[in-house]
């Protein structure tokens, strides 16, 4: 049925080997847990950085809209846009 030794057949060396394997498995499990925790922390940091970047881009786009509004007021042309704002939007929309 099974090729493993019965309990009464275990030698001290065999038992030591089993304990050593168990110890290594526990260390591997703890190491994997630590690696997972580090990956979760890094992912959370990257998410926060992405949110900050998105908020900054939204502020710049809002500023461009304000430049366009002021340009319309100054020129009296409701269809006019600010060339600097247009250039910034083009750069923001470039592929990464």
PDB file of N, CA and C in Angstrom:
ATOM      1  N   UNK A   1       0.804  -1.191   0.000  1.00  0.00           N
ATOM      2  CA  UNK A   1       0.000   0.000   0.000  1.00  0.00           C
ATOM      3  C   UNK A   1       0.855   1.266   0.000  1.00  0.00           C
ATOM      4  N   UNK A   2       1.678   1.404   1.037  1.00  0.00           N
ATOM      5  CA  UNK A   2       2.506   2.593   1.137  1.00  0.00           C
ATOM      6  C   UNK A   2       3.936   2.173   1.409  1.00  0.00           C
ATOM      7  N   UNK A   3       4.873   2.908   0.827  1.00  0.00           N
ATOM      8  CA  UNK A   3       6.272   2.565   1.050  1.00  0.00           C
ATOM      9  C   UNK A   3       6.877   3.352   2.212  1.00  0.00           C
ATOM     10  N   UNK A   4       6.061   4.085   2.933  1.00  0.00           N
ATOM     11  CA  UNK A   4       6.583   4.820   4.082  1.00  0.00           C
ATOM     12  C   UNK A   4       6.715   3.867   5.270  1.00  0.00           C
ATOM     13  N   UNK A   5       7.672   4.139   6.133  1.00  0.00           N
ATOM     14  CA  UNK A   5       7.865   3.250   7.286  1.00  0.00           C
ATOM     15  C   UNK A   5       6.764   3.460   8.330  1.00  0.00           C
ATOM     16  N   UNK A   6       6.485   2.396   9.050  1.00  0.00           N
ATOM     17  CA  UNK A   6       5.550   2.515  10.166  1.00  0.00           C
ATOM     18  C   UNK A   6       6.248   3.276  11.291  1.00  0.00           C
ATOM     19  N   UNK A   7       5.461   3.780  12.219  1.00  0.00           N
ATOM     20  CA  UNK A   7       6.014   4.574  13.312  1.00  0.00           C
ATOM     21  C   UNK A   7       7.056   3.792  14.108  1.00  0.00           C
ATOM     22  N   UNK A   8       6.802   2.528  14.337  1.00  0.00           N
ATOM     23  CA  UNK A   8       7.758   1.749  15.125  1.00  0.00           C
ATOM     24  C   UNK A   8       9.020   1.413  14.340  1.00  0.00           C
ATOM     25  N   UNK A   9       9.042   1.737  13.026  1.00  0.00           N
ATOM     26  CA  UNK A   9      10.232   1.492  12.208  1.00  0.00           C
ATOM     27  C   UNK A   9      11.093   2.744  12.050  1.00  0.00           C
ATOM     28  N   UNK A  10      10.608   3.897  12.521  1.00  0.00           N
ATOM     29  CA  UNK A  10      11.365   5.144  12.358  1.00  0.00           C
ATOM     30  C   UNK A  10      12.641   5.112  13.182  1.00  0.00           C
ATOM     31  N   UNK A  11      13.713   5.542  12.564  1.00  0.00           N
ATOM     32  CA  UNK A  11      14.976   5.678  13.284  1.00  0.00           C
ATOM     33  C   UNK A  11      15.146   7.141  13.688  1.00  0.00           C
ATOM     34  N   UNK A  12      16.083   7.399  14.560  1.00  0.00           N
ATOM     35  CA  UNK A  12      16.367   8.774  14.968  1.00  0.00           C
ATOM     36  C   UNK A  12      16.764   9.626  13.762  1.00  0.00           C
ATOM     37  N   UNK A  13      17.540   9.074  12.878  1.00  0.00           N
ATOM     38  CA  UNK A  13      17.957   9.819  11.684  1.00  0.00           C
ATOM     39  C   UNK A  13      16.760  10.155  10.796  1.00  0.00           C
ATOM     40  N   UNK A  14      15.854   9.192  10.651  1.00  0.00           N
ATOM     41  CA  UNK A  14      14.672   9.436   9.828  1.00  0.00           C
ATOM     42  C   UNK A  14      13.799  10.529  10.452  1.00  0.00           C
ATOM     43  N   UNK A  15      13.656  10.491  11.774  1.00  0.00           N
ATOM     44  CA  UNK A  15      12.868  11.498  12.464  1.00  0.00           C
ATOM     45  C   UNK A  15      13.531  12.862  12.355  1.00  0.00           C
ATOM     46  N   UNK A  16      14.845  12.905  12.483  1.00  0.00           N
ATOM     47  CA  UNK A  16      15.570  14.170  12.318  1.00  0.00           C
ATOM     48  C   UNK A  16      15.356  14.741  10.921  1.00  0.00           C
ATOM     49  N   UNK A  17      15.382  13.868   9.925  1.00  0.00           N
ATOM     50  CA  UNK A  17      15.160  14.310   8.546  1.00  0.00           C
ATOM     51  C   UNK A  17      13.746  14.872   8.383  1.00  0.00           C
ATOM     52  N   UNK A  18      12.748  14.218   8.965  1.00  0.00           N
ATOM     53  CA  UNK A  18      11.375  14.717   8.890  1.00  0.00           C
ATOM     54  C   UNK A  18      11.250  16.098   9.536  1.00  0.00           C
ATOM     55  N   UNK A  19      11.872  16.257  10.702  1.00  0.00           N
ATOM     56  CA  UNK A  19      11.827  17.561  11.371  1.00  0.00           C
ATOM     57  C   UNK A  19      12.548  18.636  10.548  1.00  0.00           C
ATOM     58  N   UNK A  20      13.650  18.273   9.920  1.00  0.00           N
ATOM     59  CA  UNK A  20      14.378  19.230   9.082  1.00  0.00           C
ATOM     60  C   UNK A  20      13.523  19.651   7.889  1.00  0.00           C
ATOM     61  N   UNK A  21      12.848  18.700   7.269  1.00  0.00           N
ATOM     62  CA  UNK A  21      11.972  19.024   6.143  1.00  0.00           C
ATOM     63  C   UNK A  21      10.815  19.910   6.593  1.00  0.00           C
ATOM     64  N   UNK A  22      10.246  19.602   7.753  1.00  0.00           N
ATOM     65  CA  UNK A  22       9.155  20.422   8.284  1.00  0.00           C
ATOM     66  C   UNK A  22       9.641  21.849   8.552  1.00  0.00           C
ATOM     67  N   UNK A  23      10.819  21.973   9.119  1.00  0.00           N
ATOM     68  CA  UNK A  23      11.407  23.287   9.399  1.00  0.00           C
ATOM     69  C   UNK A  23      11.579  24.093   8.115  1.00  0.00           C
ATOM     70  N   UNK A  24      12.100  23.446   7.078  1.00  0.00           N
ATOM     71  CA  UNK A  24      12.303  24.136   5.803  1.00  0.00           C
ATOM     72  C   UNK A  24      10.976  24.529   5.162  1.00  0.00           C
ATOM     73  N   UNK A  25       9.973  23.670   5.281  1.00  0.00           N
ATOM     74  CA  UNK A  25       8.654  24.011   4.745  1.00  0.00           C
ATOM     75  C   UNK A  25       8.065  25.215   5.464  1.00  0.00           C
ATOM     76  N   UNK A  26       8.241  25.270   6.783  1.00  0.00           N
ATOM     77  CA  UNK A  26       7.747  26.416   7.542  1.00  0.00           C
ATOM     78  C   UNK A  26       8.480  27.695   7.127  1.00  0.00           C
ATOM     79  N   UNK A  27       9.779  27.603   6.950  1.00  0.00           N
ATOM     80  CA  UNK A  27      10.553  28.769   6.524  1.00  0.00           C
ATOM     81  C   UNK A  27      10.110  29.226   5.145  1.00  0.00           C
ATOM     82  N   UNK A  28       9.888  28.269   4.234  1.00  0.00           N
ATOM     83  CA  UNK A  28       9.424  28.617   2.890  1.00  0.00           C
ATOM     84  C   UNK A  28       8.070  29.315   2.955  1.00  0.00           C
ATOM     85  N   UNK A  29       7.188  28.806   3.805  1.00  0.00           N
ATOM     86  CA  UNK A  29       5.860  29.395   3.945  1.00  0.00           C
ATOM     87  C   UNK A  29       5.970  30.815   4.500  1.00  0.00           C
ATOM     88  N   UNK A  30       6.790  30.999   5.525  1.00  0.00           N
ATOM     89  CA  UNK A  30       6.971  32.336   6.099  1.00  0.00           C
ATOM     90  C   UNK A  30       7.587  33.286   5.080  1.00  0.00           C
ATOM     91  N   UNK A  31       8.555  32.797   4.323  1.00  0.00           N
ATOM     92  CA  UNK A  31       9.185  33.621   3.285  1.00  0.00           C
ATOM     93  C   UNK A  31       8.188  34.028   2.219  1.00  0.00           C
ATOM     94  N   UNK A  32       7.328  33.085   1.830  1.00  0.00           N
ATOM     95  CA  UNK A  32       6.309  33.397   0.828  1.00  0.00           C
ATOM     96  C   UNK A  32       5.330  34.427   1.378  1.00  0.00           C
ATOM     97  N   UNK A  33       4.988  34.297   2.657  1.00  0.00           N
ATOM     98  CA  UNK A  33       4.088  35.267   3.281  1.00  0.00           C
ATOM     99  C   UNK A  33       4.701  36.654   3.316  1.00  0.00           C
ATOM    100  N   UNK A  34       5.981  36.728   3.640  1.00  0.00           N
ATOM    101  CA  UNK A  34       6.671  38.021   3.669  1.00  0.00           C
ATOM    102  C   UNK A  34       6.754  38.621   2.273  1.00  0.00           C
ATOM    103  N   UNK A  35       7.020  37.772   1.288  1.00  0.00           N
ATOM    104  CA  UNK A  35       7.091  38.264  -0.094  1.00  0.00           C
ATOM    105  C   UNK A  35       5.727  38.774  -0.552  1.00  0.00           C
ATOM    106  N   UNK A  36       4.678  38.090  -0.164  1.00  0.00           N
ATOM    107  CA  UNK A  36       3.332  38.532  -0.521  1.00  0.00           C
ATOM    108  C   UNK A  36       3.017  39.868   0.143  1.00  0.00           C
ATOM    109  N   UNK A  37       3.368  40.013   1.420  1.00  0.00           N
ATOM    110  CA  UNK A  37       3.145  41.282   2.120  1.00  0.00           C
ATOM    111  C   UNK A  37       3.896  42.420   1.436  1.00  0.00           C
ATOM    112  N   UNK A  38       5.126  42.166   1.031  1.00  0.00           N
ATOM    113  CA  UNK A  38       5.914  43.203   0.348  1.00  0.00           C
ATOM    114  C   UNK A  38       5.269  43.568  -0.987  1.00  0.00           C
ATOM    115  N   UNK A  39       4.762  42.573  -1.706  1.00  0.00           N
ATOM    116  CA  UNK A  39       4.110  42.844  -2.993  1.00  0.00           C
ATOM    117  C   UNK A  39       2.832  43.654  -2.791  1.00  0.00           C
ATOM    118  N   UNK A  40       2.089  43.354  -1.748  1.00  0.00           N
ATOM    119  CA  UNK A  40       0.864  44.106  -1.458  1.00  0.00           C
ATOM    120  C   UNK A  40       1.211  45.548  -1.116  1.00  0.00           C
ATOM    121  N   UNK A  41       2.253  45.740  -0.298  1.00  0.00           N
ATOM    122  CA  UNK A  41       2.682  47.110   0.046  1.00  0.00           C
ATOM    123  C   UNK A  41       3.111  47.882  -1.188  1.00  0.00           C
ATOM    124  N   UNK A  42       3.882  47.235  -2.060  1.00  0.00           N
ATOM    125  CA  UNK A  42       4.351  47.905  -3.267  1.00  0.00           C
ATOM    126  C   UNK A  42       3.174  48.258  -4.178  1.00  0.00           C
ATOM    127  N   UNK A  43       2.226  47.345  -4.306  1.00  0.00           N
ATOM    128  CA  UNK A  43       1.049  47.617  -5.136  1.00  0.00           C
ATOM    129  C   UNK A  43       0.261  48.794  -4.577  1.00  0.00           C
ATOM    130  N   UNK A  44       0.117  48.855  -3.268  1.00  0.00           N
ATOM    131  CA  UNK A  44      -0.602  49.961  -2.638  1.00  0.00           C
ATOM    132  C   UNK A  44       0.135  51.287  -2.856  1.00  0.00           C
ATOM    133  N   UNK A  45       1.457  51.272  -2.749  1.00  0.00           N
ATOM    134  CA  UNK A  45       2.246  52.485  -3.011  1.00  0.00           C
ATOM    135  C   UNK A  45       2.074  52.933  -4.463  1.00  0.00           C
ATOM    136  N   UNK A  46       2.102  51.992  -5.380  1.00  0.00           N
ATOM    137  CA  UNK A  46       1.941  52.327  -6.805  1.00  0.00           C
ATOM    138  C   UNK A  46       0.541  52.864  -7.079  1.00  0.00           C
ATOM    139  N   UNK A  47      -0.471  52.313  -6.398  1.00  0.00           N
ATOM    140  CA  UNK A  47      -1.837  52.818  -6.556  1.00  0.00           C
ATOM    141  C   UNK A  47      -1.934  54.260  -6.071  1.00  0.00           C
ATOM    142  N   UNK A  48      -1.317  54.544  -4.912  1.00  0.00           N
ATOM    143  CA  UNK A  48      -1.327  55.926  -4.393  1.00  0.00           C
ATOM    144  C   UNK A  48      -0.601  56.873  -5.336  1.00  0.00           C
ATOM    145  N   UNK A  49       0.529  56.445  -5.878  1.00  0.00           N
ATOM    146  CA  UNK A  49       1.263  57.291  -6.829  1.00  0.00           C
ATOM    147  C   UNK A  49       0.431  57.554  -8.077  1.00  0.00           C
ATOM    148  N   UNK A  50      -0.259  56.526  -8.570  1.00  0.00           N
ATOM    149  CA  UNK A  50      -1.101  56.688  -9.753  1.00  0.00           C
ATOM    150  C   UNK A  50      -2.243  57.660  -9.471  1.00  0.00           C
ATOM    151  N   UNK A  51      -2.845  57.558  -8.286  1.00  0.00           N
ATOM    152  CA  UNK A  51      -3.924  58.486  -7.933  1.00  0.00           C
ATOM    153  C   UNK A  51      -3.416  59.921  -7.865  1.00  0.00           C
ATOM    154  N   UNK A  52      -2.226  60.098  -7.285  1.00  0.00           N
ATOM    155  CA  UNK A  52      -1.649  61.448  -7.208  1.00  0.00           C
ATOM    156  C   UNK A  52      -1.357  61.987  -8.601  1.00  0.00           C
ATOM    157  N   UNK A  53      -0.832  61.129  -9.484  1.00  0.00           N
ATOM    158  CA  UNK A  53      -0.527  61.557 -10.847  1.00  0.00           C
ATOM    159  C   UNK A  53      -1.808  61.925 -11.596  1.00  0.00           C
ATOM    160  N   UNK A  54      -2.850  61.114 -11.436  1.00  0.00           N
ATOM    161  CA  UNK A  54      -4.119  61.413 -12.089  1.00  0.00           C
ATOM    162  C   UNK A  54      -4.703  62.726 -11.591  1.00  0.00           C
ATOM    163  N   UNK A  55      -4.589  62.978 -10.284  1.00  0.00           N
ATOM    164  CA  UNK A  55      -5.092  64.236  -9.723  1.00  0.00           C
ATOM    165  C   UNK A  55      -4.298  65.424 -10.272  1.00  0.00           C
ATOM    166  N   UNK A  56      -2.986  65.257 -10.403  1.00  0.00           N
ATOM    167  CA  UNK A  56      -2.155  66.337 -10.944  1.00  0.00           C
ATOM    168  C   UNK A  56      -2.517  66.619 -12.405  1.00  0.00           C
ATOM    169  N   UNK A  57      -2.736  65.570 -13.176  1.00  0.00           N
ATOM    170  CA  UNK A  57      -3.117  65.754 -14.578  1.00  0.00           C
ATOM    171  C   UNK A  57      -4.468  66.460 -14.667  1.00  0.00           C
ATOM    172  N   UNK A  58      -5.399  66.090 -13.789  1.00  0.00           N
ATOM    173  CA  UNK A  58      -6.712  66.747 -13.782  1.00  0.00           C
ATOM    174  C   UNK A  58      -6.563  68.231 -13.461  1.00  0.00           C
ATOM    175  N   UNK A  59      -5.668  68.563 -12.530  1.00  0.00           N
ATOM    176  CA  UNK A  59      -5.438  69.986 -12.199  1.00  0.00           C
ATOM    177  C   UNK A  59      -4.858  70.738 -13.393  1.00  0.00           C
ATOM    178  N   UNK A  60      -3.939  70.121 -14.118  1.00  0.00           N
ATOM    179  CA  UNK A  60      -3.345  70.770 -15.291  1.00  0.00           C
ATOM    180  C   UNK A  60      -4.404  70.956 -16.376  1.00  0.00           C
ATOM    181  N   UNK A  61      -5.243  69.941 -16.592  1.00  0.00           N
ATOM    182  CA  UNK A  61      -6.317  70.076 -17.594  1.00  0.00           C
ATOM    183  C   UNK A  61      -7.282  71.198 -17.196  1.00  0.00           C
ATOM    184  N   UNK A  62      -7.602  71.288 -15.917  1.00  0.00           N
ATOM    185  CA  UNK A  62      -8.473  72.351 -15.434  1.00  0.00           C
ATOM    186  C   UNK A  62      -7.824  73.712 -15.684  1.00  0.00           C
ATOM    187  N   UNK A  63      -6.538  73.815 -15.435  1.00  0.00           N
ATOM    188  CA  UNK A  63      -5.817  75.067 -15.672  1.00  0.00           C
ATOM    189  C   UNK A  63      -5.863  75.431 -17.165  1.00  0.00           C
ATOM    190  N   UNK A  64      -5.726  74.418 -18.039  1.00  0.00           N
ATOM    191  CA  UNK A  64      -5.811  74.654 -19.490  1.00  0.00           C
ATOM    192  C   UNK A  64      -7.199  75.189 -19.851  1.00  0.00           C
ATOM    193  N   UNK A  65      -8.231  74.620 -19.233  1.00  0.00           N
ATOM    194  CA  UNK A  65      -9.588  75.119 -19.483  1.00  0.00           C
ATOM    195  C   UNK A  65      -9.714  76.581 -19.043  1.00  0.00           C
ATOM    196  N   UNK A  66      -9.098  76.921 -17.918  1.00  0.00           N
ATOM    197  CA  UNK A  66      -9.131  78.305 -17.447  1.00  0.00           C
ATOM    198  C   UNK A  66      -8.401  79.232 -18.420  1.00  0.00           C
ATOM    199  N   UNK A  67      -7.280  78.758 -18.968  1.00  0.00           N
ATOM    200  CA  UNK A  67      -6.563  79.554 -19.971  1.00  0.00           C
ATOM    201  C   UNK A  67      -7.443  79.788 -21.202  1.00  0.00           C
ATOM    202  N   UNK A  68      -8.148  78.748 -21.634  1.00  0.00           N
ATOM    203  CA  UNK A  68      -9.054  78.897 -22.776  1.00  0.00           C
ATOM    204  C   UNK A  68     -10.156  79.910 -22.467  1.00  0.00           C
ATOM    205  N   UNK A  69     -10.728  79.820 -21.282  1.00  0.00           N
ATOM    206  CA  UNK A  69     -11.794  80.751 -20.895  1.00  0.00           C
ATOM    207  C   UNK A  69     -11.283  82.182 -20.895  1.00  0.00           C
ATOM    208  N   UNK A  70     -10.116  82.381 -20.334  1.00  0.00           N
ATOM    209  CA  UNK A  70      -9.539  83.742 -20.300  1.00  0.00           C
ATOM    210  C   UNK A  70      -9.217  84.231 -21.714  1.00  0.00           C
ATOM    211  N   UNK A  71      -8.735  83.336 -22.575  1.00  0.00           N
ATOM    212  CA  UNK A  71      -8.444  83.705 -23.965  1.00  0.00           C
ATOM    213  C   UNK A  71      -9.726  84.128 -24.683  1.00  0.00           C
ATOM    214  N   UNK A  72     -10.809  83.393 -24.451  1.00  0.00           N
ATOM    215  CA  UNK A  72     -12.102  83.761 -25.048  1.00  0.00           C
ATOM    216  C   UNK A  72     -12.538  85.144 -24.563  1.00  0.00           C
ATOM    217  N   UNK A  73     -12.351  85.408 -23.278  1.00  0.00           N
ATOM    218  CA  UNK A  73     -12.724  86.712 -22.722  1.00  0.00           C
ATOM    219  C   UNK A  73     -11.893  87.835 -23.337  1.00  0.00           C
ATOM    220  N   UNK A  74     -10.603  87.590 -23.507  1.00  0.00           N
ATOM    221  CA  UNK A  74      -9.710  88.628 -24.030  1.00  0.00           C
ATOM    222  C   UNK A  74      -9.932  88.892 -25.515  1.00  0.00           C
ATOM    223  N   UNK A  75     -10.204  87.827 -26.274  1.00  0.00           N
ATOM    224  CA  UNK A  75     -10.364  88.003 -27.725  1.00  0.00           C
ATOM    225  C   UNK A  75     -11.800  88.312 -28.116  1.00  0.00           C
ATOM    226  N   UNK A  76     -12.741  87.998 -27.249  1.00  0.00           N
ATOM    227  CA  UNK A  76     -14.139  88.183 -27.592  1.00  0.00           C
ATOM    228  C   UNK A  76     -14.661  87.101 -28.522  1.00  0.00           C
ATOM    229  N   UNK A  77     -13.838  86.116 -28.816  1.00  0.00           N
ATOM    230  CA  UNK A  77     -14.221  85.014 -29.706  1.00  0.00           C
ATOM    231  C   UNK A  77     -14.507  83.776 -28.855  1.00  0.00           C
ATOM    232  N   UNK A  78     -15.760  83.327 -28.774  1.00  0.00           N
ATOM    233  CA  UNK A  78     -16.088  82.175 -27.921  1.00  0.00           C
ATOM    234  C   UNK A  78     -15.481  80.854 -28.411  1.00  0.00           C
ATOM    235  N   UNK A  79     -14.994  80.821 -29.624  1.00  0.00           N
ATOM    236  CA  UNK A  79     -14.416  79.581 -30.172  1.00  0.00           C
ATOM    237  C   UNK A  79     -12.895  79.549 -30.050  1.00  0.00           C
ATOM    238  N   UNK A  80     -12.297  80.627 -29.543  1.00  0.00           N
ATOM    239  CA  UNK A  80     -10.831  80.656 -29.493  1.00  0.00           C
ATOM    240  C   UNK A  80     -10.311  79.795 -28.344  1.00  0.00           C
ATOM    241  N   UNK A  81      -9.116  79.291 -28.566  1.00  0.00           N
ATOM    242  CA  UNK A  81      -8.441  78.493 -27.537  1.00  0.00           C
ATOM    243  C   UNK A  81      -7.057  79.059 -27.318  1.00  0.00           C
ATOM    244  N   UNK A  82      -6.507  78.774 -26.176  1.00  0.00           N
ATOM    245  CA  UNK A  82      -5.168  79.238 -25.857  1.00  0.00           C
ATOM    246  C   UNK A  82      -4.167  78.258 -26.471  1.00  0.00           C
ATOM    247  N   UNK A  83      -3.201  78.754 -27.246  1.00  0.00           N
ATOM    248  CA  UNK A  83      -2.257  77.836 -27.899  1.00  0.00           C
ATOM    249  C   UNK A  83      -1.387  77.067 -26.899  1.00  0.00           C
ATOM    250  N   UNK A  84      -1.066  77.671 -25.787  1.00  0.00           N
ATOM    251  CA  UNK A  84      -0.268  76.958 -24.778  1.00  0.00           C
ATOM    252  C   UNK A  84      -1.098  75.816 -24.186  1.00  0.00           C
ATOM    253  N   UNK A  85      -2.363  76.102 -23.872  1.00  0.00           N
ATOM    254  CA  UNK A  85      -3.243  75.062 -23.328  1.00  0.00           C
ATOM    255  C   UNK A  85      -3.392  73.922 -24.329  1.00  0.00           C
ATOM    256  N   UNK A  86      -3.545  74.257 -25.610  1.00  0.00           N
ATOM    257  CA  UNK A  86      -3.668  73.215 -26.629  1.00  0.00           C
ATOM    258  C   UNK A  86      -2.400  72.364 -26.697  1.00  0.00           C
ATOM    259  N   UNK A  87      -1.250  73.015 -26.624  1.00  0.00           N
ATOM    260  CA  UNK A  87       0.014  72.271 -26.657  1.00  0.00           C
ATOM    261  C   UNK A  87       0.156  71.345 -25.458  1.00  0.00           C
ATOM    262  N   UNK A  88      -0.256  71.833 -24.295  1.00  0.00           N
ATOM    263  CA  UNK A  88      -0.182  70.995 -23.090  1.00  0.00           C
ATOM    264  C   UNK A  88      -1.104  69.785 -23.235  1.00  0.00           C
ATOM    265  N   UNK A  89      -2.308  69.986 -23.735  1.00  0.00           N
ATOM    266  CA  UNK A  89      -3.233  68.868 -23.918  1.00  0.00           C
ATOM    267  C   UNK A  89      -2.673  67.829 -24.890  1.00  0.00           C
ATOM    268  N   UNK A  90      -2.032  68.314 -25.936  1.00  0.00           N
ATOM    269  CA  UNK A  90      -1.435  67.380 -26.909  1.00  0.00           C
ATOM    270  C   UNK A  90      -0.372  66.526 -26.224  1.00  0.00           C
ATOM    271  N   UNK A  91       0.476  67.169 -25.450  1.00  0.00           N
ATOM    272  CA  UNK A  91       1.538  66.434 -24.755  1.00  0.00           C
ATOM    273  C   UNK A  91       0.948  65.455 -23.735  1.00  0.00           C
ATOM    274  N   UNK A  92      -0.082  65.876 -23.005  1.00  0.00           N
ATOM    275  CA  UNK A  92      -0.713  64.998 -22.027  1.00  0.00           C
ATOM    276  C   UNK A  92      -1.339  63.771 -22.681  1.00  0.00           C
ATOM    277  N   UNK A  93      -1.814  63.919 -23.900  1.00  0.00           N
ATOM    278  CA  UNK A  93      -2.502  62.830 -24.583  1.00  0.00           C
ATOM    279  C   UNK A  93      -1.571  61.918 -25.392  1.00  0.00           C
ATOM    280  N   UNK A  94      -0.269  62.222 -25.401  1.00  0.00           N
ATOM    281  CA  UNK A  94       0.667  61.359 -26.117  1.00  0.00           C
ATOM    282  C   UNK A  94       0.719  59.982 -25.456  1.00  0.00           C
ATOM    283  N   UNK A  95       0.927  58.935 -26.251  1.00  0.00           N
ATOM    284  CA  UNK A  95       1.057  57.614 -25.640  1.00  0.00           C
ATOM    285  C   UNK A  95       2.287  57.542 -24.746  1.00  0.00           C
ATOM    286  N   UNK A  96       2.190  56.721 -23.734  1.00  0.00           N
ATOM    287  CA  UNK A  96       3.300  56.588 -22.764  1.00  0.00           C
ATOM    288  C   UNK A  96       4.506  55.933 -23.381  1.00  0.00           C
TER     289      UNK A  96
END
